[in-house]
Amino acid sequence: VQLQASGGGSVQAGGSLRLSCAASGNILSINTLGWFRQAPGNQRELVAVITRDGNINYADSVKGRFTISRDNAKSTVYLQMNSLKPEDTAVYYCHAAGAEMYWGQGTQVTVSS
């Protein structure tokens, strides 16, 4: 499975960004798609994940601000990030899981105050 992420960038606090991640390869093996992030000096942490059936889990820190969605026909997961805060600044990683776990390349999100 290969994961190709796009989106990210730099915005001011209160702004919005949208991340996309397209999966290819043995996509039938994937149940969960989602996003993790890692800020400098911190461990990688869950942001949001969504299962094939549409079950969603968000980190408490992003609830009400971020929305994850999935297009199974396109094997693509999206993360709409609104009301961004400086503490959302991190490298965001696309993640896929089934029998195995897969990671995409990171994409930088920078939120300035």
C-alpha atoms as a PDB file:
ATOM      1  CA  VAL A   1       0.000   0.000   0.000  1.00  0.00           C
ATOM      2  CA  GLN A   2       1.256   3.446  -0.933  1.00  0.00           C
ATOM      3  CA  LEU A   3      -0.101   6.659   0.542  1.00  0.00           C
ATOM      4  CA  GLN A   4       0.202   9.985  -1.257  1.00  0.00           C
ATOM      5  CA  ALA A   5      -0.627  12.994   0.866  1.00  0.00           C
ATOM      6  CA  SER A   6      -1.260  16.518  -0.330  1.00  0.00           C
ATOM      7  CA  GLY A   7      -2.326  19.805   1.168  1.00  0.00           C
ATOM      8  CA  GLY A   8      -0.849  21.489   4.179  1.00  0.00           C
ATOM      9  CA  GLY A   9       0.969  24.782   4.206  1.00  0.00           C
ATOM     10  CA  SER A  10       1.071  27.902   6.337  1.00  0.00           C
ATOM     11  CA  VAL A  11      -1.893  29.838   7.660  1.00  0.00           C
ATOM     12  CA  GLN A  12      -2.675  32.309  10.388  1.00  0.00           C
ATOM     13  CA  ALA A  13      -4.525  31.289  13.501  1.00  0.00           C
ATOM     14  CA  GLY A  14      -8.218  30.888  12.814  1.00  0.00           C
ATOM     15  CA  GLY A  15      -7.613  29.839   9.241  1.00  0.00           C
ATOM     16  CA  SER A  16      -8.389  26.584   7.478  1.00  0.00           C
ATOM     17  CA  LEU A  17      -6.516  23.934   5.552  1.00  0.00           C
ATOM     18  CA  ARG A  18      -7.477  20.675   3.913  1.00  0.00           C
ATOM     19  CA  LEU A  19      -5.324  17.575   3.707  1.00  0.00           C
ATOM     20  CA  SER A  20      -5.895  14.731   1.284  1.00  0.00           C
ATOM     21  CA  CYS A  21      -4.358  11.282   1.144  1.00  0.00           C
ATOM     22  CA  ALA A  22      -4.857   8.789  -1.654  1.00  0.00           C
ATOM     23  CA  ALA A  23      -4.138   5.126  -1.104  1.00  0.00           C
ATOM     24  CA  SER A  24      -3.023   2.786  -3.858  1.00  0.00           C
ATOM     25  CA  GLY A  25      -1.877  -0.792  -4.103  1.00  0.00           C
ATOM     26  CA  ASN A  26      -3.555  -3.490  -2.020  1.00  0.00           C
ATOM     27  CA  ILE A  27      -6.323  -1.177  -0.856  1.00  0.00           C
ATOM     28  CA  LEU A  28      -8.735  -4.014  -0.140  1.00  0.00           C
ATOM     29  CA  SER A  29      -6.555  -4.847   2.848  1.00  0.00           C
ATOM     30  CA  ILE A  30      -7.162  -1.428   4.407  1.00  0.00           C
ATOM     31  CA  ASN A  31      -9.825  -0.882   7.040  1.00  0.00           C
ATOM     32  CA  THR A  32      -8.742   2.330   8.744  1.00  0.00           C
ATOM     33  CA  LEU A  33      -7.459   5.552   7.179  1.00  0.00           C
ATOM     34  CA  GLY A  34      -6.491   8.622   9.076  1.00  0.00           C
ATOM     35  CA  TRP A  35      -4.012  11.211  10.208  1.00  0.00           C
ATOM     36  CA  PHE A  36      -1.392  11.488  12.894  1.00  0.00           C
ATOM     37  CA  ARG A  37       0.849  14.441  13.624  1.00  0.00           C
ATOM     38  CA  GLN A  38       4.211  15.098  15.211  1.00  0.00           C
ATOM     39  CA  ALA A  39       5.432  18.418  16.504  1.00  0.00           C
ATOM     40  CA  PRO A  40       9.128  19.038  17.224  1.00  0.00           C
ATOM     41  CA  GLY A  41      10.139  17.350  20.446  1.00  0.00           C
ATOM     42  CA  ASN A  42       6.842  15.506  20.736  1.00  0.00           C
ATOM     43  CA  GLN A  43       5.729  11.984  20.004  1.00  0.00           C
ATOM     44  CA  ARG A  44       3.547  11.223  17.035  1.00  0.00           C
ATOM     45  CA  GLU A  45      -0.087  11.472  18.064  1.00  0.00           C
ATOM     46  CA  LEU A  46      -3.434  10.537  16.619  1.00  0.00           C
ATOM     47  CA  VAL A  47      -5.436  13.331  15.030  1.00  0.00           C
ATOM     48  CA  ALA A  48      -8.356  11.474  13.479  1.00  0.00           C
ATOM     49  CA  VAL A  49      -9.090   8.093  11.950  1.00  0.00           C
ATOM     50  CA  ILE A  50     -12.044   6.666  10.080  1.00  0.00           C
ATOM     51  CA  THR A  51     -12.902   3.055   9.363  1.00  0.00           C
ATOM     52  CA  ARG A  52     -14.296   1.663   6.150  1.00  0.00           C
ATOM     53  CA  ASP A  53     -17.720   1.576   7.811  1.00  0.00           C
ATOM     54  CA  GLY A  54     -17.464   5.233   8.773  1.00  0.00           C
ATOM     55  CA  ASN A  55     -16.630   4.954  12.446  1.00  0.00           C
ATOM     56  CA  ILE A  56     -14.569   7.977  13.482  1.00  0.00           C
ATOM     57  CA  ASN A  57     -12.217   8.759  16.315  1.00  0.00           C
ATOM     58  CA  TYR A  58     -10.855  12.248  16.965  1.00  0.00           C
ATOM     59  CA  ALA A  59      -8.229  13.501  19.351  1.00  0.00           C
ATOM     60  CA  ASP A  60      -9.878  15.622  22.021  1.00  0.00           C
ATOM     61  CA  SER A  61      -7.743  18.578  20.985  1.00  0.00           C
ATOM     62  CA  VAL A  62      -9.288  18.733  17.501  1.00  0.00           C
ATOM     63  CA  LYS A  63     -12.905  17.816  18.190  1.00  0.00           C
ATOM     64  CA  GLY A  64     -15.270  20.428  16.816  1.00  0.00           C
ATOM     65  CA  ARG A  65     -12.570  21.947  14.602  1.00  0.00           C
ATOM     66  CA  PHE A  66     -11.374  19.133  12.353  1.00  0.00           C
ATOM     67  CA  THR A  67     -13.491  16.872  10.184  1.00  0.00           C
ATOM     68  CA  ILE A  68     -12.285  13.620   8.675  1.00  0.00           C
ATOM     69  CA  SER A  69     -14.028  12.058   5.716  1.00  0.00           C
ATOM     70  CA  ARG A  70     -13.400   9.213   3.356  1.00  0.00           C
ATOM     71  CA  ASP A  71     -14.232   8.376  -0.236  1.00  0.00           C
ATOM     72  CA  ASN A  72     -13.988   4.602  -0.478  1.00  0.00           C
ATOM     73  CA  ALA A  73     -14.442   4.656  -4.244  1.00  0.00           C
ATOM     74  CA  LYS A  74     -11.335   6.831  -4.554  1.00  0.00           C
ATOM     75  CA  SER A  75      -9.520   5.242  -1.606  1.00  0.00           C
ATOM     76  CA  THR A  76      -8.937   8.748  -0.341  1.00  0.00           C
ATOM     77  CA  VAL A  77      -9.187  10.273   3.094  1.00  0.00           C
ATOM     78  CA  TYR A  78      -9.583  13.976   3.774  1.00  0.00           C
ATOM     79  CA  LEU A  79      -8.965  16.133   6.812  1.00  0.00           C
ATOM     80  CA  GLN A  80     -10.679  19.500   6.880  1.00  0.00           C
ATOM     81  CA  MET A  81      -9.007  21.642   9.521  1.00  0.00           C
ATOM     82  CA  ASN A  82     -10.829  24.769  10.649  1.00  0.00           C
ATOM     83  CA  SER A  83     -10.151  27.274  13.413  1.00  0.00           C
ATOM     84  CA  LEU A  84      -6.507  26.326  13.350  1.00  0.00           C
ATOM     85  CA  LYS A  85      -4.361  27.171  16.349  1.00  0.00           C
ATOM     86  CA  PRO A  86      -0.590  27.599  16.660  1.00  0.00           C
ATOM     87  CA  GLU A  87      -0.500  24.364  18.654  1.00  0.00           C
ATOM     88  CA  ASP A  88      -1.743  22.526  15.567  1.00  0.00           C
ATOM     89  CA  THR A  89       1.631  23.195  13.970  1.00  0.00           C
ATOM     90  CA  ALA A  90       3.206  19.844  13.158  1.00  0.00           C
ATOM     91  CA  VAL A  91       4.103  17.421  10.429  1.00  0.00           C
ATOM     92  CA  TYR A  92       0.942  15.529   9.542  1.00  0.00           C
ATOM     93  CA  TYR A  93       1.207  11.902   8.462  1.00  0.00           C
ATOM     94  CA  CYS A  94      -1.349   9.899   6.552  1.00  0.00           C
ATOM     95  CA  HIS A  95      -1.935   6.473   8.054  1.00  0.00           C
ATOM     96  CA  ALA A  96      -3.564   3.274   6.832  1.00  0.00           C
ATOM     97  CA  ALA A  97      -4.188   0.116   8.768  1.00  0.00           C
ATOM     98  CA  GLY A  98      -5.510  -3.326   8.070  1.00  0.00           C
ATOM     99  CA  ALA A  99      -3.476  -6.453   8.504  1.00  0.00           C
ATOM    100  CA  GLU A 100      -0.463  -4.128   8.447  1.00  0.00           C
ATOM    101  CA  MET A 101       0.182  -0.458   9.090  1.00  0.00           C
ATOM    102  CA  TYR A 102       1.332   2.026   6.489  1.00  0.00           C
ATOM    103  CA  TRP A 103       2.528   5.623   6.620  1.00  0.00           C
ATOM    104  CA  GLY A 104       2.613   8.310   3.992  1.00  0.00           C
ATOM    105  CA  GLN A 105       5.181  11.047   3.705  1.00  0.00           C
ATOM    106  CA  GLY A 106       4.625  13.871   6.126  1.00  0.00           C
ATOM    107  CA  THR A 107       3.186  17.203   5.144  1.00  0.00           C
ATOM    108  CA  GLN A 108       3.964  20.335   7.128  1.00  0.00           C
ATOM    109  CA  VAL A 109       1.192  22.409   8.665  1.00  0.00           C
ATOM    110  CA  THR A 110       2.286  25.699  10.199  1.00  0.00           C
ATOM    111  CA  VAL A 111      -0.122  27.978  12.046  1.00  0.00           C
ATOM    112  CA  SER A 112       1.116  31.412  13.024  1.00  0.00           C
ATOM    113  CA  SER A 113      -0.382  33.546  15.758  1.00  0.00           C
END
